Amino acid sequence: MAKMRRKADLDSKLCCVCGRPFFWRKKWAKVWHEVLYCSKKCRSQKSNSDPVRRS
């Protein structure tokens, strides 16, 4: 069996709406490069707010 990985070892991104970091999930493995939002709430608010600047 594979070893468990700690959350600190996983890839992370910043949400485009709220700017909070979110971490890789197994269900996103095939589309990780397309994931932009941390939650359904942020996805629904994407057009209502100014995008957070990424550095």
C-alpha atoms as a PDB file:
ATOM      1  CA  MET A   1       0.000   0.000   0.000  1.00  0.00           C
ATOM      2  CA  ALA A   2       1.064   3.571  -0.608  1.00  0.00           C
ATOM      3  CA  LYS A   3       1.965   5.765   2.309  1.00  0.00           C
ATOM      4  CA  MET A   4      -0.445   8.454   3.388  1.00  0.00           C
ATOM      5  CA  ARG A   5       0.662  11.967   2.444  1.00  0.00           C
ATOM      6  CA  ARG A   6       0.330  14.858   4.810  1.00  0.00           C
ATOM      7  CA  LYS A   7      -1.703  17.880   3.744  1.00  0.00           C
ATOM      8  CA  ALA A   8       1.451  19.999   3.763  1.00  0.00           C
ATOM      9  CA  ASP A   9       2.950  17.697   1.100  1.00  0.00           C
ATOM     10  CA  LEU A  10       0.033  18.078  -1.339  1.00  0.00           C
ATOM     11  CA  ASP A  11      -0.089  20.598  -4.192  1.00  0.00           C
ATOM     12  CA  SER A  12      -2.086  23.731  -3.485  1.00  0.00           C
ATOM     13  CA  LYS A  13      -3.647  26.650  -5.363  1.00  0.00           C
ATOM     14  CA  LEU A  14      -5.302  29.929  -4.448  1.00  0.00           C
ATOM     15  CA  CYS A  15      -9.009  30.336  -5.108  1.00  0.00           C
ATOM     16  CA  CYS A  16      -9.718  32.957  -7.796  1.00  0.00           C
ATOM     17  CA  VAL A  17     -12.653  34.422  -5.830  1.00  0.00           C
ATOM     18  CA  CYS A  18     -11.795  34.363  -2.134  1.00  0.00           C
ATOM     19  CA  GLY A  19      -8.007  34.009  -2.345  1.00  0.00           C
ATOM     20  CA  ARG A  20      -7.865  31.142   0.159  1.00  0.00           C
ATOM     21  CA  PRO A  21      -5.495  28.251  -0.456  1.00  0.00           C
ATOM     22  CA  PHE A  22      -6.999  24.864  -1.276  1.00  0.00           C
ATOM     23  CA  PHE A  23      -5.281  21.527  -1.665  1.00  0.00           C
ATOM     24  CA  TRP A  24      -5.197  18.748  -4.235  1.00  0.00           C
ATOM     25  CA  ARG A  25      -7.934  16.126  -3.918  1.00  0.00           C
ATOM     26  CA  LYS A  26      -8.018  12.677  -5.441  1.00  0.00           C
ATOM     27  CA  LYS A  27     -11.264  13.460  -7.288  1.00  0.00           C
ATOM     28  CA  TRP A  28      -9.468  16.366  -9.024  1.00  0.00           C
ATOM     29  CA  ALA A  29      -6.472  14.261 -10.120  1.00  0.00           C
ATOM     30  CA  LYS A  30      -7.318  14.273 -13.844  1.00  0.00           C
ATOM     31  CA  VAL A  31      -8.430  17.920 -14.009  1.00  0.00           C
ATOM     32  CA  TRP A  32      -6.178  19.610 -11.414  1.00  0.00           C
ATOM     33  CA  HIS A  33      -4.888  22.056 -14.047  1.00  0.00           C
ATOM     34  CA  GLU A  34      -8.500  23.228 -14.665  1.00  0.00           C
ATOM     35  CA  VAL A  35      -9.572  23.666 -11.025  1.00  0.00           C
ATOM     36  CA  LEU A  36      -9.866  27.373 -10.137  1.00  0.00           C
ATOM     37  CA  TYR A  37     -12.333  27.567  -7.243  1.00  0.00           C
ATOM     38  CA  CYS A  38     -12.180  26.124  -3.725  1.00  0.00           C
ATOM     39  CA  SER A  39     -15.911  25.458  -3.391  1.00  0.00           C
ATOM     40  CA  LYS A  40     -19.293  25.505  -5.094  1.00  0.00           C
ATOM     41  CA  LYS A  41     -20.038  28.796  -3.360  1.00  0.00           C
ATOM     42  CA  CYS A  42     -17.001  30.479  -4.924  1.00  0.00           C
ATOM     43  CA  ARG A  43     -17.808  28.990  -8.324  1.00  0.00           C
ATOM     44  CA  SER A  44     -21.296  30.508  -8.154  1.00  0.00           C
ATOM     45  CA  GLN A  45     -19.904  33.914  -7.115  1.00  0.00           C
ATOM     46  CA  LYS A  46     -17.224  34.033  -9.824  1.00  0.00           C
ATOM     47  CA  SER A  47     -18.982  36.739 -11.872  1.00  0.00           C
ATOM     48  CA  ASN A  48     -20.070  38.782  -8.843  1.00  0.00           C
ATOM     49  CA  SER A  49     -16.609  39.673  -7.587  1.00  0.00           C
ATOM     50  CA  ASP A  50     -13.342  41.061  -8.862  1.00  0.00           C
ATOM     51  CA  PRO A  51     -10.748  38.347  -9.368  1.00  0.00           C
ATOM     52  CA  VAL A  52      -8.024  38.055  -6.765  1.00  0.00           C
ATOM     53  CA  ARG A  53      -4.611  38.954  -8.112  1.00  0.00           C
ATOM     54  CA  ARG A  54      -2.181  36.067  -8.265  1.00  0.00           C
ATOM     55  CA  SER A  55       1.512  36.689  -7.845  1.00  0.00           C
END
